[in-house]
Amino acid sequence: MSKAAAEKVYASTGASPQDVDVVELHDCFSANELITYEALGMCAPGKAGELIDSGNNTYGGKYVVNPSGGLISKGHPLGATGIAQCAELCWQLRGEAGRRQVSGAKLALQHNIGLGGAAVVGLYRHGFPQFQKNLIEARAVTADSVKPEDFEAHIYFGELQRMIDEDGEDYVNQVKSIYRFKIKNKNGKEGIWTVDAKSGKGKIIFGPDGPTPVVTFTVNDEDIGDFVTGKLDPQKAYFQGRLKIAGSIAQAIRLKDLAIKHKNTILSKL
């Protein structure tokens, strides 16, 4: 049924498998990915193994398949699978996929199957490419307009950076984790700080780039001082809506304990 659906979409659009740049397909099992390559016309029957060995199913090859990580990386979410594929392909065509971005992606293919013998194959193309450059430039201007100095938080992260510079290895040995803070100020701007205290001497990065955090905190700028020094109880703040936590709760609690331990050191330098 996947082969029949693919043939219909190619016939109705005038496109061919060779025109496709990026693919999100239904890899519910590893074997299903192999047979889907053949059904979608990405390789001849029986040649899926050769396609993989050639590197033509990933970055630098003819196609990039499942840049999102595919179904297996998401836990095979039944109802959300199709929407997740759609979102990823739209981000790819808009140039908004970040580190997953497929360079020069112009045509995207979605393949999804469901219980009861259902199959969907669709092709995506950017509907308004003439506006894409302006949108990217507008986002760049917006991103550049956010500075650490726009937030009270920069004082605390500055002092934390000095602590790391002075005794980074000891701090890393105590923490051994990566924390991200999304700080919102009174003007509605959002600043992002990533505290990388997992290896080496540690470092603090401002901006959306940086290593993947173990836990992310979203907190208002006026609360960050109390949070960093351990005065703000994470559990109470969470239920009051003053704090959002995404990721490891155990690491979030551990950070609170570390904040209390270093409170006097931070306050003495402010």
Protein backbone atom coordinates (compact mmCIF):
# COMPACT_ATOMS: atom_id res chain seq x y z
CA MET A 1 0.00 0.00 0.00
CA SER A 2 2.93 2.36 0.62
CA LYS A 3 4.22 1.69 -2.90
CA ALA A 4 0.79 2.37 -4.42
CA ALA A 5 0.40 5.62 -2.47
CA ALA A 6 3.87 6.79 -3.50
CA GLU A 7 3.23 6.05 -7.17
CA LYS A 8 -0.01 8.04 -7.04
CA VAL A 9 1.60 11.11 -5.49
CA TYR A 10 4.49 11.05 -7.98
CA ALA A 11 2.03 10.72 -10.88
CA SER A 12 -0.20 13.55 -9.64
CA THR A 13 2.65 16.01 -8.97
CA GLY A 14 5.03 15.18 -11.78
CA ALA A 15 7.82 14.71 -9.24
CA SER A 16 10.06 11.67 -8.87
CA PRO A 17 11.94 10.10 -5.96
CA GLN A 18 15.15 11.66 -7.30
CA ASP A 19 13.69 15.15 -6.69
CA VAL A 20 13.23 14.55 -2.95
CA ASP A 21 15.73 16.05 -0.47
CA VAL A 22 14.39 15.14 2.97
CA VAL A 23 12.09 12.33 4.12
CA GLU A 24 10.10 11.60 7.26
CA LEU A 25 8.97 8.00 7.08
CA HIS A 26 7.17 5.55 9.35
CA ASP A 27 10.08 3.61 10.93
CA CYS A 28 7.96 1.81 13.54
CA PHE A 29 10.57 -0.97 13.35
CA SER A 30 14.03 -0.94 11.81
CA ALA A 31 12.99 -3.51 9.19
CA ASN A 32 10.05 -1.34 8.16
CA GLU A 33 12.42 1.49 7.28
CA LEU A 34 14.27 -0.80 4.85
CA ILE A 35 11.21 -1.95 2.95
CA THR A 36 9.85 1.62 2.89
CA TYR A 37 12.96 2.86 1.06
CA GLU A 38 12.06 0.45 -1.72
CA ALA A 39 8.31 1.22 -1.64
CA LEU A 40 8.96 4.97 -1.99
CA GLY A 41 11.25 4.42 -4.97
CA MET A 42 14.36 5.64 -3.16
CA CYS A 43 16.17 2.51 -4.32
CA ALA A 44 15.49 -0.59 -6.40
CA PRO A 45 13.85 -3.62 -4.77
CA GLY A 46 16.37 -5.51 -2.64
CA LYS A 47 18.83 -2.58 -2.63
CA ALA A 48 17.92 -0.89 0.67
CA GLY A 49 21.01 -2.27 2.37
CA GLU A 50 23.21 -0.80 -0.35
CA LEU A 51 21.47 2.57 0.01
CA ILE A 52 22.37 2.62 3.69
CA ASP A 53 25.94 1.44 3.14
CA SER A 54 26.46 4.20 0.56
CA GLY A 55 25.44 6.87 3.06
CA ASN A 56 22.68 8.12 0.77
CA ASN A 57 20.05 8.01 3.51
CA THR A 58 21.66 10.60 5.76
CA TYR A 59 23.43 13.97 5.85
CA GLY A 60 25.84 14.36 2.94
CA GLY A 61 24.00 11.76 0.85
CA LYS A 62 21.16 11.86 -1.68
CA TYR A 63 18.41 11.88 0.96
CA VAL A 64 18.24 12.75 4.64
CA VAL A 65 15.81 10.33 6.26
CA ASN A 66 14.10 11.14 9.57
CA PRO A 67 16.18 14.12 10.67
CA SER A 68 13.76 14.40 13.61
CA GLY A 69 14.94 11.02 14.89
CA GLY A 70 11.94 9.11 13.59
CA LEU A 71 9.24 7.22 15.45
CA ILE A 72 11.57 5.10 17.54
CA SER A 73 13.25 8.18 19.04
CA LYS A 74 9.83 9.57 19.99
CA GLY A 75 8.51 6.36 21.57
CA HIS A 76 6.28 5.54 18.56
CA PRO A 77 3.42 7.96 19.48
CA LEU A 78 0.44 6.64 17.55
CA GLY A 79 -1.77 9.71 17.22
CA ALA A 80 1.05 12.26 17.15
CA THR A 81 3.21 10.60 14.51
CA GLY A 82 1.75 12.29 11.43
CA ILE A 83 1.64 15.78 12.97
CA ALA A 84 5.25 15.41 14.16
CA GLN A 85 6.35 14.45 10.64
CA CYS A 86 4.45 17.38 9.15
CA ALA A 87 6.00 19.83 11.61
CA GLU A 88 9.53 18.58 10.97
CA LEU A 89 9.21 18.82 7.20
CA CYS A 90 7.75 22.33 7.41
CA TRP A 91 10.66 23.42 9.62
CA GLN A 92 13.11 21.89 7.16
CA LEU A 93 11.61 23.71 4.16
CA ARG A 94 11.50 27.00 6.08
CA GLY A 95 15.12 26.66 7.20
CA GLU A 96 14.04 26.53 10.85
CA ALA A 97 15.35 23.08 11.84
CA GLY A 98 18.47 24.29 13.65
CA ARG A 99 21.17 21.64 13.95
CA ARG A 100 18.97 19.14 12.09
CA GLN A 101 18.68 21.41 9.06
CA VAL A 102 19.10 19.71 5.68
CA SER A 103 21.05 22.13 3.53
CA GLY A 104 19.14 23.38 0.50
CA ALA A 105 16.02 21.30 1.19
CA LYS A 106 13.40 22.12 -1.48
CA LEU A 107 11.17 19.04 -1.68
CA ALA A 108 10.13 16.93 1.32
CA LEU A 109 8.33 13.61 1.47
CA GLN A 110 6.11 12.31 4.28
CA HIS A 111 5.21 8.65 4.67
CA ASN A 112 2.86 7.38 7.36
CA ILE A 113 0.93 4.18 7.87
CA GLY A 114 -1.77 3.24 10.35
CA LEU A 115 -3.81 0.42 11.76
CA GLY A 116 -6.32 -1.19 9.47
CA GLY A 117 -4.32 -0.83 6.27
CA ALA A 118 -4.04 2.95 5.91
CA ALA A 119 -1.13 4.64 4.12
CA VAL A 120 -0.35 8.30 3.46
CA VAL A 121 2.41 9.64 1.23
CA GLY A 122 2.67 13.37 0.63
CA LEU A 123 5.10 15.83 -0.92
CA TYR A 124 5.84 19.25 0.58
CA ARG A 125 7.29 22.31 -1.09
CA HIS A 126 7.73 25.83 0.31
CA GLY A 127 4.65 27.75 -0.80
CA PHE A 128 6.18 31.25 -0.66
CA PRO A 129 9.95 30.96 -1.17
CA GLN A 130 10.14 34.63 -2.19
CA PHE A 131 9.45 35.61 1.44
CA GLN A 132 11.82 33.14 3.07
CA LYS A 133 14.90 35.40 3.00
CA ASN A 134 13.00 38.27 4.64
CA LEU A 135 11.68 36.00 7.39
CA ILE A 136 15.14 34.65 8.17
CA GLU A 137 16.59 38.16 8.30
CA ALA A 138 13.78 39.30 10.61
CA ARG A 139 14.46 36.42 12.99
CA ALA A 140 18.17 37.24 13.00
CA VAL A 141 17.47 40.84 13.96
CA THR A 142 15.14 39.74 16.75
CA ALA A 143 17.67 37.27 18.11
CA ASP A 144 20.51 39.81 18.04
CA SER A 145 18.41 42.38 19.89
CA VAL A 146 18.39 40.30 23.08
CA LYS A 147 21.46 41.00 25.24
CA PRO A 148 22.48 39.64 28.66
CA GLU A 149 22.40 43.19 30.04
CA ASP A 150 18.64 43.32 29.40
CA PHE A 151 18.17 41.03 32.41
CA GLU A 152 18.90 41.24 36.12
CA ALA A 153 19.90 37.61 35.75
CA HIS A 154 23.14 38.54 33.98
CA ILE A 155 24.56 39.74 37.32
CA TYR A 156 24.07 36.35 38.95
CA PHE A 157 25.30 34.38 35.96
CA GLY A 158 28.29 36.71 35.77
CA GLU A 159 29.19 35.90 39.37
CA LEU A 160 28.60 32.20 38.73
CA GLN A 161 30.97 32.41 35.76
CA ARG A 162 33.61 34.00 38.01
CA MET A 163 33.18 31.16 40.50
CA ILE A 164 33.68 28.67 37.68
CA ASP A 165 36.75 30.54 36.44
CA GLU A 166 38.26 30.44 39.92
CA ASP A 167 37.41 26.88 40.88
CA GLY A 168 35.70 25.30 37.89
CA GLU A 169 36.94 21.75 38.28
CA ASP A 170 35.67 21.53 41.86
CA TYR A 171 32.28 22.95 40.81
CA VAL A 172 32.03 20.50 37.89
CA ASN A 173 32.85 17.58 40.21
CA GLN A 174 29.95 18.60 42.44
CA VAL A 175 27.44 19.27 39.67
CA LYS A 176 28.30 17.01 36.69
CA SER A 177 25.24 18.14 34.76
CA ILE A 178 23.98 20.70 32.24
CA TYR A 179 21.28 23.19 33.22
CA ARG A 180 19.42 25.66 31.01
CA PHE A 181 17.64 28.75 32.25
CA LYS A 182 15.01 30.57 30.20
CA ILE A 183 14.57 33.98 31.80
CA LYS A 184 11.69 36.30 30.94
CA ASN A 185 11.98 40.00 31.80
CA LYS A 186 9.27 42.62 32.33
CA ASN A 187 9.48 43.70 28.67
CA GLY A 188 8.60 40.23 27.42
CA LYS A 189 12.10 39.39 26.21
CA GLU A 190 13.53 35.93 26.81
CA GLY A 191 17.18 35.32 27.60
CA ILE A 192 18.70 31.84 27.64
CA TRP A 193 21.68 30.80 29.75
CA THR A 194 23.14 27.29 29.64
CA VAL A 195 25.36 26.23 32.53
CA ASP A 196 27.61 23.45 31.25
CA ALA A 197 29.09 21.87 34.37
CA LYS A 198 29.48 18.35 33.09
CA SER A 199 33.15 18.15 32.11
CA GLY A 200 36.37 20.14 32.14
CA LYS A 201 36.23 23.43 34.04
CA GLY A 202 32.67 24.25 33.00
CA LYS A 203 31.28 27.30 31.21
CA ILE A 204 28.18 29.45 30.84
CA ILE A 205 26.73 30.14 27.40
CA PHE A 206 24.24 32.89 26.58
CA GLY A 207 21.85 32.29 23.69
CA PRO A 208 19.92 29.38 22.20
CA ASP A 209 23.02 27.43 21.18
CA GLY A 210 24.78 25.11 23.54
CA PRO A 211 24.81 21.49 24.70
CA THR A 212 21.56 19.66 25.38
CA PRO A 213 20.49 20.32 28.99
CA VAL A 214 19.47 17.67 31.50
CA VAL A 215 16.89 20.04 32.95
CA THR A 216 15.49 23.40 31.81
CA PHE A 217 14.08 26.05 34.14
CA THR A 218 11.79 28.85 32.96
CA VAL A 219 11.60 31.65 35.50
CA ASN A 220 10.88 35.38 35.64
CA ASP A 221 13.82 37.76 35.76
CA GLU A 222 12.73 39.26 39.09
CA ASP A 223 12.77 35.78 40.70
CA ILE A 224 16.16 34.61 39.45
CA GLY A 225 18.11 36.08 42.37
CA ASP A 226 16.08 34.15 44.92
CA PHE A 227 16.25 31.05 42.75
CA VAL A 228 20.04 31.08 42.29
CA THR A 229 20.67 31.70 46.00
CA GLY A 230 18.24 29.02 47.14
CA LYS A 231 15.69 31.38 48.69
CA LEU A 232 13.01 30.39 46.18
CA ASP A 233 11.76 26.89 46.89
CA PRO A 234 11.42 25.17 43.47
CA GLN A 235 8.46 23.02 44.54
CA LYS A 236 6.44 25.94 45.91
CA ALA A 237 7.37 28.15 42.95
CA TYR A 238 6.33 25.40 40.54
CA PHE A 239 2.84 25.10 42.02
CA GLN A 240 2.53 28.91 42.17
CA GLY A 241 3.27 29.13 38.43
CA ARG A 242 6.47 31.11 39.02
CA LEU A 243 8.71 28.31 37.79
CA LYS A 244 8.51 25.73 35.01
CA ILE A 245 10.74 22.67 34.99
CA ALA A 246 11.36 20.40 32.00
CA GLY A 247 13.63 17.40 32.30
CA SER A 248 15.11 15.61 35.30
CA ILE A 249 13.33 16.54 38.53
CA ALA A 250 16.10 14.81 40.50
CA GLN A 251 18.68 17.16 38.95
CA ALA A 252 16.42 20.13 39.65
CA ILE A 253 16.31 19.23 43.36
CA ARG A 254 20.08 18.70 43.35
CA LEU A 255 20.61 22.17 41.94
CA LYS A 256 18.57 23.63 44.80
CA ASP A 257 20.87 21.92 47.31
CA LEU A 258 23.95 23.26 45.51
CA ALA A 259 22.46 26.76 45.40
CA ILE A 260 21.96 26.73 49.17
CA LYS A 261 25.52 25.47 49.65
CA HIS A 262 27.02 28.28 47.54
CA LYS A 263 24.54 31.00 48.60
CA ASN A 264 26.93 32.90 50.84
CA THR A 265 29.69 32.83 48.23
CA ILE A 266 27.43 34.29 45.56
CA LEU A 267 25.93 36.94 47.84
CA SER A 268 29.35 38.04 49.11
CA LYS A 269 30.41 38.91 45.57
CA LEU A 270 27.30 40.91 44.60
